[in-house]
Amino acid sequence: MPELVFLRHGHSLSAREAGVAHDAERPLSPLGEAEVRQAAERLLAGGFAPDLIIHSPFLRADRTARIAAAVFPAARIQASAALCEGPLQAVLDLAESAAGRSVLLVGHQPLLGAAAGFYLGSGPLDLSPAGFVRISLNAARHKLLELYAPPAPKEKTC
């Protein structure tokens, strides 16, 4: 049965930390890269195998998608501005255009949470960085398979 996964990009550096002028140029942090790899490996271990990975063209989402693509090498990968610019209907149309296939959509909050909530018939979902919502696409009723948030980093103690 086809599945749809909404994956938020991993933890990223602020524009100031990264020394970039535009939000679109913000990179993942080392923590974000590790969290994304763990999220993709969790999906793989749970049996998810996307046919297609569609991502926002923003640097942090592009990198998130490429890390996931290394875990899912059979998946085709493409960028779509709808995943950073919206509106919500554009994201829903993008997901619908891949009907019959399992798709991983990589983007940003609050857009991804709103799209996932729409599919589940609920309000918007709050996705943490590198968090995902996995949905089974059934013609009669879509079903939540997993709502994942990466574990909080361990704090250093003295």
C-alpha atoms as a PDB file:
ATOM      1  CA  MET A   1       0.000   0.000   0.000  1.00  0.00           C
ATOM      2  CA  PRO A   2       1.397   3.448  -0.855  1.00  0.00           C
ATOM      3  CA  GLU A   3       2.592   5.674   1.946  1.00  0.00           C
ATOM      4  CA  LEU A   4       3.246   9.360   2.356  1.00  0.00           C
ATOM      5  CA  VAL A   5       5.885  10.707   4.733  1.00  0.00           C
ATOM      6  CA  PHE A   6       6.247  14.369   5.639  1.00  0.00           C
ATOM      7  CA  LEU A   7       9.812  14.904   6.938  1.00  0.00           C
ATOM      8  CA  ARG A   8      10.896  18.243   8.337  1.00  0.00           C
ATOM      9  CA  HIS A   9      14.491  19.223   7.571  1.00  0.00           C
ATOM     10  CA  GLY A  10      17.002  18.593  10.335  1.00  0.00           C
ATOM     11  CA  HIS A  11      18.276  21.119  12.851  1.00  0.00           C
ATOM     12  CA  SER A  12      19.919  23.981  11.002  1.00  0.00           C
ATOM     13  CA  LEU A  13      22.189  26.868  11.791  1.00  0.00           C
ATOM     14  CA  SER A  14      20.771  30.376  11.984  1.00  0.00           C
ATOM     15  CA  ALA A  15      21.647  32.740   9.141  1.00  0.00           C
ATOM     16  CA  ARG A  16      24.017  34.574  11.451  1.00  0.00           C
ATOM     17  CA  GLU A  17      25.731  31.372  12.671  1.00  0.00           C
ATOM     18  CA  ALA A  18      26.143  30.190   9.085  1.00  0.00           C
ATOM     19  CA  GLY A  19      27.262  33.592   7.826  1.00  0.00           C
ATOM     20  CA  VAL A  20      24.617  33.683   5.087  1.00  0.00           C
ATOM     21  CA  ALA A  21      22.318  36.496   4.030  1.00  0.00           C
ATOM     22  CA  HIS A  22      19.199  34.527   3.092  1.00  0.00           C
ATOM     23  CA  ASP A  23      17.064  31.996   4.940  1.00  0.00           C
ATOM     24  CA  ALA A  24      17.197  29.691   1.896  1.00  0.00           C
ATOM     25  CA  GLU A  25      20.984  29.349   2.318  1.00  0.00           C
ATOM     26  CA  ARG A  26      20.936  28.080   5.912  1.00  0.00           C
ATOM     27  CA  PRO A  27      22.710  24.691   6.182  1.00  0.00           C
ATOM     28  CA  LEU A  28      22.046  21.770   8.468  1.00  0.00           C
ATOM     29  CA  SER A  29      24.077  21.648  11.652  1.00  0.00           C
ATOM     30  CA  PRO A  30      26.125  18.528  12.423  1.00  0.00           C
ATOM     31  CA  LEU A  31      23.354  17.572  14.883  1.00  0.00           C
ATOM     32  CA  GLY A  32      20.771  18.029  12.108  1.00  0.00           C
ATOM     33  CA  GLU A  33      22.700  15.760   9.738  1.00  0.00           C
ATOM     34  CA  ALA A  34      22.871  13.016  12.368  1.00  0.00           C
ATOM     35  CA  GLU A  35      19.170  13.375  13.275  1.00  0.00           C
ATOM     36  CA  VAL A  36      18.106  13.147   9.626  1.00  0.00           C
ATOM     37  CA  ARG A  37      20.190  10.015   9.083  1.00  0.00           C
ATOM     38  CA  GLN A  38      18.572   8.427  12.164  1.00  0.00           C
ATOM     39  CA  ALA A  39      15.083   9.381  10.976  1.00  0.00           C
ATOM     40  CA  ALA A  40      15.685   7.912   7.504  1.00  0.00           C
ATOM     41  CA  GLU A  41      17.139   4.725   9.000  1.00  0.00           C
ATOM     42  CA  ARG A  42      14.116   4.445  11.284  1.00  0.00           C
ATOM     43  CA  LEU A  43      11.807   4.694   8.270  1.00  0.00           C
ATOM     44  CA  LEU A  44      13.848   2.042   6.445  1.00  0.00           C
ATOM     45  CA  ALA A  45      13.771  -0.281   9.467  1.00  0.00           C
ATOM     46  CA  GLY A  46       9.989   0.186   9.591  1.00  0.00           C
ATOM     47  CA  GLY A  47       9.623  -0.982   5.993  1.00  0.00           C
ATOM     48  CA  PHE A  48       9.183   2.386   4.276  1.00  0.00           C
ATOM     49  CA  ALA A  49      10.705   2.530   0.793  1.00  0.00           C
ATOM     50  CA  PRO A  50       9.868   5.685  -1.166  1.00  0.00           C
ATOM     51  CA  ASP A  51       9.658   5.673  -4.934  1.00  0.00           C
ATOM     52  CA  LEU A  52      10.130   9.429  -4.932  1.00  0.00           C
ATOM     53  CA  ILE A  53      11.686  12.050  -2.643  1.00  0.00           C
ATOM     54  CA  ILE A  54      10.437  15.591  -3.242  1.00  0.00           C
ATOM     55  CA  HIS A  55      12.117  18.415  -1.337  1.00  0.00           C
ATOM     56  CA  SER A  56      12.112  22.156  -0.866  1.00  0.00           C
ATOM     57  CA  PRO A  57      14.985  23.786  -2.770  1.00  0.00           C
ATOM     58  CA  PHE A  58      16.202  25.524   0.428  1.00  0.00           C
ATOM     59  CA  LEU A  59      19.702  24.278   1.291  1.00  0.00           C
ATOM     60  CA  ARG A  60      18.752  22.613   4.589  1.00  0.00           C
ATOM     61  CA  ALA A  61      15.864  20.684   2.985  1.00  0.00           C
ATOM     62  CA  ASP A  62      17.960  19.764  -0.057  1.00  0.00           C
ATOM     63  CA  ARG A  63      20.652  18.323   2.227  1.00  0.00           C
ATOM     64  CA  THR A  64      18.019  16.489   4.290  1.00  0.00           C
ATOM     65  CA  ALA A  65      16.647  14.914   1.099  1.00  0.00           C
ATOM     66  CA  ARG A  66      20.118  13.883  -0.063  1.00  0.00           C
ATOM     67  CA  ILE A  67      20.875  12.203   3.260  1.00  0.00           C
ATOM     68  CA  ALA A  68      17.562  10.335   2.981  1.00  0.00           C
ATOM     69  CA  ALA A  69      18.336   9.430  -0.649  1.00  0.00           C
ATOM     70  CA  ALA A  70      21.555   7.747   0.519  1.00  0.00           C
ATOM     71  CA  VAL A  71      19.393   5.525   2.757  1.00  0.00           C
ATOM     72  CA  PHE A  72      16.843   4.991  -0.062  1.00  0.00           C
ATOM     73  CA  PRO A  73      19.053   4.743  -3.196  1.00  0.00           C
ATOM     74  CA  ALA A  74      16.225   3.435  -5.424  1.00  0.00           C
ATOM     75  CA  ALA A  75      14.154   6.594  -4.901  1.00  0.00           C
ATOM     76  CA  ARG A  76      14.086   9.314  -7.523  1.00  0.00           C
ATOM     77  CA  ILE A  77      14.728  12.802  -6.104  1.00  0.00           C
ATOM     78  CA  GLN A  78      13.390  16.181  -7.230  1.00  0.00           C
ATOM     79  CA  ALA A  79      12.945  19.703  -5.883  1.00  0.00           C
ATOM     80  CA  SER A  80       9.676  21.628  -5.691  1.00  0.00           C
ATOM     81  CA  ALA A  81       9.249  25.249  -4.619  1.00  0.00           C
ATOM     82  CA  ALA A  82       5.776  24.328  -3.335  1.00  0.00           C
ATOM     83  CA  LEU A  83       7.465  22.783  -0.287  1.00  0.00           C
ATOM     84  CA  CYS A  84       8.942  26.108   0.796  1.00  0.00           C
ATOM     85  CA  GLU A  85       6.524  28.629  -0.645  1.00  0.00           C
ATOM     86  CA  GLY A  86       3.179  26.873  -0.415  1.00  0.00           C
ATOM     87  CA  PRO A  87       0.325  27.514  -0.381  1.00  0.00           C
ATOM     88  CA  LEU A  88      -1.015  24.435   1.366  1.00  0.00           C
ATOM     89  CA  GLN A  89      -3.067  23.478  -1.700  1.00  0.00           C
ATOM     90  CA  ALA A  90       0.127  23.332  -3.791  1.00  0.00           C
ATOM     91  CA  VAL A  91       1.625  20.834  -1.330  1.00  0.00           C
ATOM     92  CA  LEU A  92      -1.554  18.748  -1.370  1.00  0.00           C
ATOM     93  CA  ASP A  93      -1.550  18.804  -5.184  1.00  0.00           C
ATOM     94  CA  LEU A  94       2.094  17.712  -5.174  1.00  0.00           C
ATOM     95  CA  ALA A  95       1.299  14.765  -2.894  1.00  0.00           C
ATOM     96  CA  GLU A  96      -1.734  13.816  -5.007  1.00  0.00           C
ATOM     97  CA  SER A  97       0.321  13.898  -8.214  1.00  0.00           C
ATOM     98  CA  ALA A  98       2.323  10.964  -6.880  1.00  0.00           C
ATOM     99  CA  ALA A  99      -0.789   8.829  -6.300  1.00  0.00           C
ATOM    100  CA  GLY A 100      -0.121   5.115  -6.143  1.00  0.00           C
ATOM    101  CA  ARG A 101       3.503   5.562  -5.100  1.00  0.00           C
ATOM    102  CA  SER A 102       5.216   5.938  -1.750  1.00  0.00           C
ATOM    103  CA  VAL A 103       6.587   9.444  -1.420  1.00  0.00           C
ATOM    104  CA  LEU A 104       8.851  11.267   1.021  1.00  0.00           C
ATOM    105  CA  LEU A 105       8.169  15.034   1.144  1.00  0.00           C
ATOM    106  CA  VAL A 106      10.924  17.103   2.769  1.00  0.00           C
ATOM    107  CA  GLY A 107      10.219  20.670   3.776  1.00  0.00           C
ATOM    108  CA  HIS A 108       9.445  23.141   6.512  1.00  0.00           C
ATOM    109  CA  GLN A 109       7.038  23.924   9.310  1.00  0.00           C
ATOM    110  CA  PRO A 110       4.272  24.968   9.534  1.00  0.00           C
ATOM    111  CA  LEU A 111       3.468  23.895   5.960  1.00  0.00           C
ATOM    112  CA  LEU A 112       4.305  20.191   6.403  1.00  0.00           C
ATOM    113  CA  GLY A 113       2.382  19.909   9.660  1.00  0.00           C
ATOM    114  CA  ALA A 114      -0.671  21.505   8.056  1.00  0.00           C
ATOM    115  CA  ALA A 115      -0.510  19.112   5.074  1.00  0.00           C
ATOM    116  CA  ALA A 116      -0.121  16.062   7.326  1.00  0.00           C
ATOM    117  CA  GLY A 117      -3.024  17.232   9.483  1.00  0.00           C
ATOM    118  CA  PHE A 118      -5.176  17.630   6.389  1.00  0.00           C
ATOM    119  CA  TYR A 119      -4.456  14.041   5.305  1.00  0.00           C
ATOM    120  CA  LEU A 120      -5.320  12.760   8.764  1.00  0.00           C
ATOM    121  CA  GLY A 121      -8.436  14.902   9.166  1.00  0.00           C
ATOM    122  CA  SER A 122      -6.975  16.672  12.171  1.00  0.00           C
ATOM    123  CA  GLY A 123      -5.523  20.043  12.958  1.00  0.00           C
ATOM    124  CA  PRO A 124      -1.953  20.921  11.997  1.00  0.00           C
ATOM    125  CA  LEU A 125       0.761  18.714  13.504  1.00  0.00           C
ATOM    126  CA  ASP A 126       3.875  20.102  15.157  1.00  0.00           C
ATOM    127  CA  LEU A 127       6.965  18.527  13.595  1.00  0.00           C
ATOM    128  CA  SER A 128      10.309  18.998  15.284  1.00  0.00           C
ATOM    129  CA  PRO A 129      13.483  19.247  13.185  1.00  0.00           C
ATOM    130  CA  ALA A 130      14.104  15.815  11.595  1.00  0.00           C
ATOM    131  CA  GLY A 131      10.661  14.722  12.777  1.00  0.00           C
ATOM    132  CA  PHE A 132       8.241  12.989  10.457  1.00  0.00           C
ATOM    133  CA  VAL A 133       4.656  11.866   9.989  1.00  0.00           C
ATOM    134  CA  ARG A 134       4.157   8.538   8.200  1.00  0.00           C
ATOM    135  CA  ILE A 135       0.722   7.978   6.665  1.00  0.00           C
ATOM    136  CA  SER A 136      -0.753   4.927   4.940  1.00  0.00           C
ATOM    137  CA  LEU A 137      -2.735   6.017   1.895  1.00  0.00           C
ATOM    138  CA  ASN A 138      -5.927   4.001   1.734  1.00  0.00           C
ATOM    139  CA  ALA A 139      -8.680   4.987  -0.673  1.00  0.00           C
ATOM    140  CA  ALA A 140     -11.266   4.703   2.088  1.00  0.00           C
ATOM    141  CA  ARG A 141      -9.309   6.257   4.959  1.00  0.00           C
ATOM    142  CA  HIS A 142      -5.758   7.474   5.506  1.00  0.00           C
ATOM    143  CA  LYS A 143      -4.096   6.077   8.614  1.00  0.00           C
ATOM    144  CA  LEU A 144      -1.365   7.476  10.842  1.00  0.00           C
ATOM    145  CA  LEU A 145       1.435   4.915  11.019  1.00  0.00           C
ATOM    146  CA  GLU A 146       3.970   6.931  12.985  1.00  0.00           C
ATOM    147  CA  LEU A 147       4.600  10.408  14.345  1.00  0.00           C
ATOM    148  CA  TYR A 148       8.307  10.655  15.111  1.00  0.00           C
ATOM    149  CA  ALA A 149      10.436  13.224  16.899  1.00  0.00           C
ATOM    150  CA  PRO A 150      14.159  12.620  17.362  1.00  0.00           C
ATOM    151  CA  PRO A 151      15.328  12.208  20.942  1.00  0.00           C
ATOM    152  CA  ALA A 152      16.525  15.377  22.611  1.00  0.00           C
ATOM    153  CA  PRO A 153      20.318  15.722  22.641  1.00  0.00           C
ATOM    154  CA  LYS A 154      21.935  14.690  25.890  1.00  0.00           C
ATOM    155  CA  GLU A 155      23.052  17.601  27.998  1.00  0.00           C
ATOM    156  CA  LYS A 156      26.637  17.688  29.146  1.00  0.00           C
ATOM    157  CA  THR A 157      27.107  17.475  32.889  1.00  0.00           C
ATOM    158  CA  CYS A 158      29.999  18.721  34.986  1.00  0.00           C
END
